[in-house]
Amino acid sequence: MNRFGLAFVLILTGITCAFAQDKKPNLNIVFIGNSITQGVQLATPEDAPPATAIAYLRRQKDLGTVEFSNQGHSGYTTLDFLPGTNTFTKVEEAAGAFTDKNALLIFSVKLGTNDSAIQGPHGAPVSPDDYIQNVKTIIDKLLTDFPVAVVILQHPTWYSPNTQNGARYLQEGLSRLQSYVPKLDSLTQSYATVNPKHVFTGDKKAFKYFKKRHLTLLIPENGKQGIFYLHPNKAGAIALGEFWGKAIEKVVRKNFEE
């Protein structure tokens, strides 16, 4: 190959690489959740699962910039995030505050732990039908106000069946929490028909993962029924964040490549 041919190839390669780089999607992510999302009992906000999810996503070479807002609130249920509440307003304000208006806006939702309680949190116990109706109401309003956004429903995480702090969860609560999961998956499937490519199921693996490894990944807490396990420690938050990050990355790739 002569030097002119080589120069042409190099130029073409440079253009191709620049084009590929331009195609990297930028992401703005709002995390909606409870104390697990908030990162209670962890040393800094940078230790919370949303921050560790973002750290994972920022390491991925096929993604552009990734910005986020952690809208997790300890003790909150789906009722606390319904449209019309101050909490929901704060979520929408967070979504509107990102500076890159062309980035893909994602709402990562992980709610259900407090809804499942026997007594204590707002509205608990929330039946599976009421829970999923609340989730749908939240999604519908978000997609009305941000029609090009994507909502990712992360499965709830495991807690020990003796969990009781200021609220009572116990085995009844854990069973109710598990009953929410098929409702979430069915809701995602329904949106695939009525509003495709906007609502997706996220992580499905963390529940079993933490159940098996709770002694090393969850914080032992003193409760009225003995030592219980509910909130991730630092290592657990890293693991949970990576579960969420991988789920988000999978959705983005599917959306962006099609």
C-alpha atoms as a PDB file:
ATOM      1  CA  MET A   1       0.000   0.000   0.000  1.00  0.00           C
ATOM      2  CA  ASN A   2       1.426   3.408  -0.989  1.00  0.00           C
ATOM      3  CA  ARG A   3       1.577   6.300   1.409  1.00  0.00           C
ATOM      4  CA  PHE A   4      -1.527   7.933  -0.053  1.00  0.00           C
ATOM      5  CA  GLY A   5      -3.520   4.748   0.458  1.00  0.00           C
ATOM      6  CA  LEU A   6      -2.218   4.428   3.997  1.00  0.00           C
ATOM      7  CA  ALA A   7      -3.123   8.028   4.729  1.00  0.00           C
ATOM      8  CA  PHE A   8      -6.647   7.419   3.456  1.00  0.00           C
ATOM      9  CA  VAL A   9      -7.035   4.357   5.684  1.00  0.00           C
ATOM     10  CA  LEU A  10      -5.801   6.275   8.712  1.00  0.00           C
ATOM     11  CA  ILE A  11      -8.195   9.130   8.027  1.00  0.00           C
ATOM     12  CA  LEU A  12     -11.089   6.710   7.530  1.00  0.00           C
ATOM     13  CA  THR A  13     -10.175   4.902  10.756  1.00  0.00           C
ATOM     14  CA  GLY A  14     -10.069   8.192  12.623  1.00  0.00           C
ATOM     15  CA  ILE A  15     -13.479   9.188  11.300  1.00  0.00           C
ATOM     16  CA  THR A  16     -14.903   5.783  12.250  1.00  0.00           C
ATOM     17  CA  CYS A  17     -13.467   6.009  15.764  1.00  0.00           C
ATOM     18  CA  ALA A  18     -14.760   9.544  16.206  1.00  0.00           C
ATOM     19  CA  PHE A  19     -18.189   8.441  15.007  1.00  0.00           C
ATOM     20  CA  ALA A  20     -18.196   5.513  17.433  1.00  0.00           C
ATOM     21  CA  GLN A  21     -17.160   7.845  20.238  1.00  0.00           C
ATOM     22  CA  ASP A  22     -19.944  10.265  19.352  1.00  0.00           C
ATOM     23  CA  LYS A  23     -22.391   7.382  19.541  1.00  0.00           C
ATOM     24  CA  LYS A  24     -21.658   6.711  23.199  1.00  0.00           C
ATOM     25  CA  PRO A  25     -24.850   7.512  25.110  1.00  0.00           C
ATOM     26  CA  ASN A  26     -24.749   9.964  28.000  1.00  0.00           C
ATOM     27  CA  LEU A  27     -26.926   9.062  30.970  1.00  0.00           C
ATOM     28  CA  ASN A  28     -28.799  11.014  33.648  1.00  0.00           C
ATOM     29  CA  ILE A  29     -30.089   8.658  36.345  1.00  0.00           C
ATOM     30  CA  VAL A  30     -32.488   9.338  39.214  1.00  0.00           C
ATOM     31  CA  PHE A  31     -32.565   6.603  41.840  1.00  0.00           C
ATOM     32  CA  ILE A  32     -35.901   6.234  43.634  1.00  0.00           C
ATOM     33  CA  GLY A  33     -35.985   4.128  46.775  1.00  0.00           C
ATOM     34  CA  ASN A  34     -35.900   3.738  50.526  1.00  0.00           C
ATOM     35  CA  SER A  35     -33.156   3.459  53.160  1.00  0.00           C
ATOM     36  CA  ILE A  36     -31.260   0.859  51.138  1.00  0.00           C
ATOM     37  CA  THR A  37     -31.060   3.274  48.206  1.00  0.00           C
ATOM     38  CA  GLN A  38     -30.290   6.170  50.525  1.00  0.00           C
ATOM     39  CA  GLY A  39     -27.399   4.232  52.029  1.00  0.00           C
ATOM     40  CA  VAL A  40     -28.249   4.559  55.706  1.00  0.00           C
ATOM     41  CA  GLN A  41     -25.606   3.344  58.147  1.00  0.00           C
ATOM     42  CA  LEU A  42     -22.884   3.763  55.543  1.00  0.00           C
ATOM     43  CA  ALA A  43     -20.060   6.218  56.178  1.00  0.00           C
ATOM     44  CA  THR A  44     -20.584   8.568  53.233  1.00  0.00           C
ATOM     45  CA  PRO A  45     -23.068   9.120  50.370  1.00  0.00           C
ATOM     46  CA  GLU A  46     -20.338   7.810  48.048  1.00  0.00           C
ATOM     47  CA  ASP A  47     -20.734   4.398  49.706  1.00  0.00           C
ATOM     48  CA  ALA A  48     -24.460   4.139  48.892  1.00  0.00           C
ATOM     49  CA  PRO A  49     -25.606   1.710  46.146  1.00  0.00           C
ATOM     50  CA  PRO A  50     -26.518   4.467  43.643  1.00  0.00           C
ATOM     51  CA  ALA A  51     -22.987   5.876  43.850  1.00  0.00           C
ATOM     52  CA  THR A  52     -21.431   2.437  43.439  1.00  0.00           C
ATOM     53  CA  ALA A  53     -23.759   1.747  40.490  1.00  0.00           C
ATOM     54  CA  ILE A  54     -22.570   4.971  38.875  1.00  0.00           C
ATOM     55  CA  ALA A  55     -18.937   4.036  39.534  1.00  0.00           C
ATOM     56  CA  TYR A  56     -19.559   0.777  37.678  1.00  0.00           C
ATOM     57  CA  LEU A  57     -21.259   2.534  34.755  1.00  0.00           C
ATOM     58  CA  ARG A  58     -18.494   5.114  34.456  1.00  0.00           C
ATOM     59  CA  ARG A  59     -15.994   2.294  33.981  1.00  0.00           C
ATOM     60  CA  GLN A  60     -17.834   1.008  30.909  1.00  0.00           C
ATOM     61  CA  LYS A  61     -16.085   2.098  27.724  1.00  0.00           C
ATOM     62  CA  ASP A  62     -19.255   2.030  25.618  1.00  0.00           C
ATOM     63  CA  LEU A  63     -20.959   4.711  27.717  1.00  0.00           C
ATOM     64  CA  GLY A  64     -20.461   8.459  27.738  1.00  0.00           C
ATOM     65  CA  THR A  65     -20.941  10.712  30.736  1.00  0.00           C
ATOM     66  CA  VAL A  66     -23.041   9.377  33.621  1.00  0.00           C
ATOM     67  CA  GLU A  67     -24.645  11.727  36.158  1.00  0.00           C
ATOM     68  CA  PHE A  68     -27.081  10.834  38.932  1.00  0.00           C
ATOM     69  CA  SER A  69     -29.269  11.933  41.812  1.00  0.00           C
ATOM     70  CA  ASN A  70     -29.970   9.740  44.844  1.00  0.00           C
ATOM     71  CA  GLN A  71     -33.612  10.193  45.838  1.00  0.00           C
ATOM     72  CA  GLY A  72     -33.686   7.403  48.403  1.00  0.00           C
ATOM     73  CA  HIS A  73     -35.542   8.119  51.657  1.00  0.00           C
ATOM     74  CA  SER A  74     -35.406   5.976  54.769  1.00  0.00           C
ATOM     75  CA  GLY A  75     -38.731   4.436  55.722  1.00  0.00           C
ATOM     76  CA  TYR A  76     -40.556   5.501  52.570  1.00  0.00           C
ATOM     77  CA  THR A  77     -43.165   3.408  50.781  1.00  0.00           C
ATOM     78  CA  THR A  78     -44.727   3.720  47.340  1.00  0.00           C
ATOM     79  CA  LEU A  79     -47.352   5.988  48.913  1.00  0.00           C
ATOM     80  CA  ASP A  80     -44.661   8.530  49.802  1.00  0.00           C
ATOM     81  CA  PHE A  81     -43.611   8.749  46.139  1.00  0.00           C
ATOM     82  CA  LEU A  82     -47.071   9.149  44.608  1.00  0.00           C
ATOM     83  CA  PRO A  83     -47.644  12.172  42.351  1.00  0.00           C
ATOM     84  CA  GLY A  84     -48.739  15.159  44.404  1.00  0.00           C
ATOM     85  CA  THR A  85     -46.389  14.412  47.295  1.00  0.00           C
ATOM     86  CA  ASN A  86     -43.424  16.616  48.059  1.00  0.00           C
ATOM     87  CA  THR A  87     -41.179  13.585  47.533  1.00  0.00           C
ATOM     88  CA  PHE A  88     -42.418  13.089  43.985  1.00  0.00           C
ATOM     89  CA  THR A  89     -41.922  16.789  43.288  1.00  0.00           C
ATOM     90  CA  LYS A  90     -38.309  16.459  44.470  1.00  0.00           C
ATOM     91  CA  VAL A  91     -37.803  13.497  42.136  1.00  0.00           C
ATOM     92  CA  GLU A  92     -39.024  15.512  39.162  1.00  0.00           C
ATOM     93  CA  GLU A  93     -36.944  18.509  40.195  1.00  0.00           C
ATOM     94  CA  ALA A  94     -33.887  16.265  40.338  1.00  0.00           C
ATOM     95  CA  ALA A  95     -34.654  14.970  36.843  1.00  0.00           C
ATOM     96  CA  GLY A  96     -35.011  18.499  35.520  1.00  0.00           C
ATOM     97  CA  ALA A  97     -31.810  19.751  37.144  1.00  0.00           C
ATOM     98  CA  PHE A  98     -29.359  17.764  35.014  1.00  0.00           C
ATOM     99  CA  THR A  99     -27.355  20.067  32.784  1.00  0.00           C
ATOM    100  CA  ASP A 100     -27.117  17.702  29.794  1.00  0.00           C
ATOM    101  CA  LYS A 101     -30.659  17.841  28.458  1.00  0.00           C
ATOM    102  CA  ASN A 102     -29.812  15.501  25.581  1.00  0.00           C
ATOM    103  CA  ALA A 103     -28.674  12.629  27.809  1.00  0.00           C
ATOM    104  CA  LEU A 104     -30.903   9.592  28.227  1.00  0.00           C
ATOM    105  CA  LEU A 105     -32.957  10.133  31.380  1.00  0.00           C
ATOM    106  CA  ILE A 106     -33.413   7.011  33.491  1.00  0.00           C
ATOM    107  CA  PHE A 107     -35.453   6.464  36.634  1.00  0.00           C
ATOM    108  CA  SER A 108     -34.166   3.453  38.584  1.00  0.00           C
ATOM    109  CA  VAL A 109     -36.878   2.373  41.033  1.00  0.00           C
ATOM    110  CA  LYS A 110     -36.376   0.035  43.988  1.00  0.00           C
ATOM    111  CA  LEU A 111     -39.375   0.192  46.326  1.00  0.00           C
ATOM    112  CA  GLY A 112     -41.229  -2.426  48.328  1.00  0.00           C
ATOM    113  CA  THR A 113     -39.320  -3.150  51.525  1.00  0.00           C
ATOM    114  CA  ASN A 114     -41.314  -0.732  53.657  1.00  0.00           C
ATOM    115  CA  ASP A 115     -44.577  -1.438  51.823  1.00  0.00           C
ATOM    116  CA  SER A 116     -44.204  -5.070  52.857  1.00  0.00           C
ATOM    117  CA  ALA A 117     -43.968  -4.386  56.598  1.00  0.00           C
ATOM    118  CA  ILE A 118     -46.683  -5.601  58.954  1.00  0.00           C
ATOM    119  CA  GLN A 119     -46.776  -2.274  60.748  1.00  0.00           C
ATOM    120  CA  GLY A 120     -44.874   0.994  60.912  1.00  0.00           C
ATOM    121  CA  PRO A 121     -44.122   2.647  57.545  1.00  0.00           C
ATOM    122  CA  HIS A 122     -46.695   4.830  55.792  1.00  0.00           C
ATOM    123  CA  GLY A 123     -49.581   2.670  54.566  1.00  0.00           C
ATOM    124  CA  ALA A 124     -48.019  -0.643  55.570  1.00  0.00           C
ATOM    125  CA  PRO A 125     -48.947  -3.320  54.975  1.00  0.00           C
ATOM    126  CA  VAL A 126     -49.525  -2.515  51.314  1.00  0.00           C
ATOM    127  CA  SER A 127     -51.244  -5.336  49.447  1.00  0.00           C
ATOM    128  CA  PRO A 128     -49.665  -6.601  46.208  1.00  0.00           C
ATOM    129  CA  ASP A 129     -52.504  -5.087  44.157  1.00  0.00           C
ATOM    130  CA  ASP A 130     -52.201  -1.683  45.847  1.00  0.00           C
ATOM    131  CA  TYR A 131     -48.421  -1.807  45.628  1.00  0.00           C
ATOM    132  CA  ILE A 132     -48.355  -2.385  41.901  1.00  0.00           C
ATOM    133  CA  GLN A 133     -51.065   0.221  41.304  1.00  0.00           C
ATOM    134  CA  ASN A 134     -48.931   2.751  43.180  1.00  0.00           C
ATOM    135  CA  VAL A 135     -45.877   1.827  41.105  1.00  0.00           C
ATOM    136  CA  LYS A 136     -47.909   2.203  37.911  1.00  0.00           C
ATOM    137  CA  THR A 137     -49.230   5.597  39.019  1.00  0.00           C
ATOM    138  CA  ILE A 138     -45.679   6.797  39.668  1.00  0.00           C
ATOM    139  CA  ILE A 139     -44.440   5.511  36.299  1.00  0.00           C
ATOM    140  CA  ASP A 140     -47.360   6.974  34.341  1.00  0.00           C
ATOM    141  CA  LYS A 141     -46.780  10.438  35.770  1.00  0.00           C
ATOM    142  CA  LEU A 142     -43.026  10.278  35.195  1.00  0.00           C
ATOM    143  CA  LEU A 143     -43.531   9.269  31.563  1.00  0.00           C
ATOM    144  CA  THR A 144     -46.186  11.939  31.086  1.00  0.00           C
ATOM    145  CA  ASP A 145     -43.809  14.631  32.310  1.00  0.00           C
ATOM    146  CA  PHE A 146     -40.669  13.070  30.765  1.00  0.00           C
ATOM    147  CA  PRO A 147     -41.986  11.193  27.711  1.00  0.00           C
ATOM    148  CA  VAL A 148     -38.598  10.110  26.371  1.00  0.00           C
ATOM    149  CA  ALA A 149     -37.384   8.805  29.737  1.00  0.00           C
ATOM    150  CA  VAL A 150     -36.792   5.171  30.662  1.00  0.00           C
ATOM    151  CA  VAL A 151     -37.965   3.547  33.900  1.00  0.00           C
ATOM    152  CA  ILE A 152     -36.139   0.510  35.255  1.00  0.00           C
ATOM    153  CA  LEU A 153     -37.821  -1.532  38.005  1.00  0.00           C
ATOM    154  CA  GLN A 154     -35.202  -3.196  40.179  1.00  0.00           C
ATOM    155  CA  HIS A 155     -36.416  -6.197  42.173  1.00  0.00           C
ATOM    156  CA  PRO A 156     -36.582  -5.692  45.956  1.00  0.00           C
ATOM    157  CA  THR A 157     -33.769  -7.119  48.067  1.00  0.00           C
ATOM    158  CA  TRP A 158     -33.907  -9.793  50.774  1.00  0.00           C
ATOM    159  CA  TYR A 159     -34.182  -9.128  54.499  1.00  0.00           C
ATOM    160  CA  SER A 160     -34.094 -11.628  57.342  1.00  0.00           C
ATOM    161  CA  PRO A 161     -37.478 -12.969  58.487  1.00  0.00           C
ATOM    162  CA  ASN A 162     -36.914 -11.724  62.054  1.00  0.00           C
ATOM    163  CA  THR A 163     -36.501  -8.094  60.960  1.00  0.00           C
ATOM    164  CA  GLN A 164     -38.099  -5.731  63.472  1.00  0.00           C
ATOM    165  CA  ASN A 165     -36.747  -2.311  64.356  1.00  0.00           C
ATOM    166  CA  GLY A 166     -39.139   0.603  64.707  1.00  0.00           C
ATOM    167  CA  ALA A 167     -41.359  -1.301  62.296  1.00  0.00           C
ATOM    168  CA  ARG A 168     -42.396  -4.957  62.143  1.00  0.00           C
ATOM    169  CA  TYR A 169     -41.518  -6.954  59.032  1.00  0.00           C
ATOM    170  CA  LEU A 170     -40.935 -10.595  60.050  1.00  0.00           C
ATOM    171  CA  GLN A 171     -41.748 -13.569  57.816  1.00  0.00           C
ATOM    172  CA  GLU A 172     -45.155 -12.155  56.908  1.00  0.00           C
ATOM    173  CA  GLY A 173     -43.495  -9.051  55.508  1.00  0.00           C
ATOM    174  CA  LEU A 174     -40.835 -11.019  53.656  1.00  0.00           C
ATOM    175  CA  SER A 175     -43.496 -13.208  52.038  1.00  0.00           C
ATOM    176  CA  ARG A 176     -45.454 -10.127  51.010  1.00  0.00           C
ATOM    177  CA  LEU A 177     -42.282  -8.584  49.562  1.00  0.00           C
ATOM    178  CA  GLN A 178     -41.760 -11.670  47.414  1.00  0.00           C
ATOM    179  CA  SER A 179     -45.358 -11.470  46.200  1.00  0.00           C
ATOM    180  CA  TYR A 180     -44.576  -8.044  44.710  1.00  0.00           C
ATOM    181  CA  VAL A 181     -41.995  -9.450  42.297  1.00  0.00           C
ATOM    182  CA  PRO A 182     -44.302 -11.192  39.781  1.00  0.00           C
ATOM    183  CA  LYS A 183     -46.480  -8.077  39.836  1.00  0.00           C
ATOM    184  CA  LEU A 184     -43.480  -5.953  38.845  1.00  0.00           C
ATOM    185  CA  ASP A 185     -42.584  -8.297  36.001  1.00  0.00           C
ATOM    186  CA  SER A 186     -46.169  -8.371  34.737  1.00  0.00           C
ATOM    187  CA  LEU A 187     -46.294  -4.571  34.826  1.00  0.00           C
ATOM    188  CA  THR A 188     -43.145  -4.365  32.714  1.00  0.00           C
ATOM    189  CA  GLN A 189     -44.678  -6.755  30.199  1.00  0.00           C
ATOM    190  CA  SER A 190     -47.843  -4.659  29.973  1.00  0.00           C
ATOM    191  CA  TYR A 191     -45.837  -1.530  29.169  1.00  0.00           C
ATOM    192  CA  ALA A 192     -44.072  -3.423  26.392  1.00  0.00           C
ATOM    193  CA  THR A 193     -47.430  -3.339  24.612  1.00  0.00           C
ATOM    194  CA  VAL A 194     -48.887   0.040  25.574  1.00  0.00           C
ATOM    195  CA  ASN A 195     -45.650   2.081  25.769  1.00  0.00           C
ATOM    196  CA  PRO A 196     -42.773   0.027  24.382  1.00  0.00           C
ATOM    197  CA  LYS A 197     -39.094   0.723  25.132  1.00  0.00           C
ATOM    198  CA  HIS A 198     -39.808   2.857  28.183  1.00  0.00           C
ATOM    199  CA  VAL A 199     -40.304   0.472  31.129  1.00  0.00           C
ATOM    200  CA  PHE A 200     -37.963  -2.416  31.845  1.00  0.00           C
ATOM    201  CA  THR A 201     -37.295  -4.992  34.524  1.00  0.00           C
ATOM    202  CA  GLY A 202     -33.909  -4.373  36.100  1.00  0.00           C
ATOM    203  CA  ASP A 203     -31.947  -6.540  38.487  1.00  0.00           C
ATOM    204  CA  LYS A 204     -33.384  -9.938  39.419  1.00  0.00           C
ATOM    205  CA  LYS A 205     -30.347 -11.470  41.121  1.00  0.00           C
ATOM    206  CA  ALA A 206     -29.679  -9.441  44.275  1.00  0.00           C
ATOM    207  CA  PHE A 207     -32.451 -11.024  46.375  1.00  0.00           C
ATOM    208  CA  LYS A 208     -30.972 -14.540  46.275  1.00  0.00           C
ATOM    209  CA  TYR A 209     -27.426 -13.218  46.332  1.00  0.00           C
ATOM    210  CA  PHE A 210     -27.931 -11.336  49.604  1.00  0.00           C
ATOM    211  CA  LYS A 211     -29.992 -14.105  51.148  1.00  0.00           C
ATOM    212  CA  LYS A 212     -27.070 -16.493  50.643  1.00  0.00           C
ATOM    213  CA  ARG A 213     -24.370 -14.026  51.715  1.00  0.00           C
ATOM    214  CA  HIS A 214     -26.151 -11.873  54.287  1.00  0.00           C
ATOM    215  CA  LEU A 215     -23.628 -12.572  57.056  1.00  0.00           C
ATOM    216  CA  THR A 216     -20.884 -10.853  55.064  1.00  0.00           C
ATOM    217  CA  LEU A 217     -22.811  -8.298  52.979  1.00  0.00           C
ATOM    218  CA  LEU A 218     -25.538  -7.020  55.318  1.00  0.00           C
ATOM    219  CA  ILE A 219     -25.195  -5.137  58.592  1.00  0.00           C
ATOM    220  CA  PRO A 220     -26.127  -7.078  61.763  1.00  0.00           C
ATOM    221  CA  GLU A 221     -28.635  -4.885  63.602  1.00  0.00           C
ATOM    222  CA  ASN A 222     -30.130  -5.269  67.066  1.00  0.00           C
ATOM    223  CA  GLY A 223     -33.906  -5.690  66.909  1.00  0.00           C
ATOM    224  CA  LYS A 224     -36.832  -6.780  69.008  1.00  0.00           C
ATOM    225  CA  GLN A 225     -36.565 -10.290  67.575  1.00  0.00           C
ATOM    226  CA  GLY A 226     -32.771 -10.535  67.870  1.00  0.00           C
ATOM    227  CA  ILE A 227     -30.047  -9.712  65.353  1.00  0.00           C
ATOM    228  CA  PHE A 228     -31.573  -9.007  61.962  1.00  0.00           C
ATOM    229  CA  TYR A 229     -30.191  -8.241  58.497  1.00  0.00           C
ATOM    230  CA  LEU A 230     -31.625  -5.582  56.220  1.00  0.00           C
ATOM    231  CA  HIS A 231     -29.163  -2.874  55.124  1.00  0.00           C
ATOM    232  CA  PRO A 232     -26.029  -3.502  53.053  1.00  0.00           C
ATOM    233  CA  ASN A 233     -22.617  -2.819  54.535  1.00  0.00           C
ATOM    234  CA  LYS A 234     -19.946  -1.186  52.370  1.00  0.00           C
ATOM    235  CA  ALA A 235     -19.139  -4.410  50.509  1.00  0.00           C
ATOM    236  CA  GLY A 236     -22.842  -5.132  50.118  1.00  0.00           C
ATOM    237  CA  ALA A 237     -23.488  -1.665  48.717  1.00  0.00           C
ATOM    238  CA  ILE A 238     -20.767  -2.229  46.130  1.00  0.00           C
ATOM    239  CA  ALA A 239     -22.333  -5.557  45.169  1.00  0.00           C
ATOM    240  CA  LEU A 240     -25.852  -4.122  44.994  1.00  0.00           C
ATOM    241  CA  GLY A 241     -24.657  -1.105  43.038  1.00  0.00           C
ATOM    242  CA  GLU A 242     -23.041  -3.377  40.475  1.00  0.00           C
ATOM    243  CA  PHE A 243     -26.241  -5.397  40.154  1.00  0.00           C
ATOM    244  CA  TRP A 244     -28.138  -2.187  39.442  1.00  0.00           C
ATOM    245  CA  GLY A 245     -25.400  -0.856  37.181  1.00  0.00           C
ATOM    246  CA  LYS A 246     -25.320  -4.010  35.074  1.00  0.00           C
ATOM    247  CA  ALA A 247     -29.106  -3.972  34.759  1.00  0.00           C
ATOM    248  CA  ILE A 248     -29.047  -0.330  33.657  1.00  0.00           C
ATOM    249  CA  GLU A 249     -26.222  -0.978  31.195  1.00  0.00           C
ATOM    250  CA  LYS A 250     -28.155  -3.884  29.667  1.00  0.00           C
ATOM    251  CA  VAL A 251     -31.240  -1.723  29.142  1.00  0.00           C
ATOM    252  CA  VAL A 252     -29.193   1.107  27.653  1.00  0.00           C
ATOM    253  CA  ARG A 253     -27.422  -1.209  25.234  1.00  0.00           C
ATOM    254  CA  LYS A 254     -30.717  -2.736  24.127  1.00  0.00           C
ATOM    255  CA  ASN A 255     -32.308   0.696  23.696  1.00  0.00           C
ATOM    256  CA  PHE A 256     -29.332   2.382  22.110  1.00  0.00           C
ATOM    257  CA  GLU A 257     -28.289  -0.304  19.670  1.00  0.00           C
ATOM    258  CA  GLU A 258     -31.740  -0.791  18.158  1.00  0.00           C
END
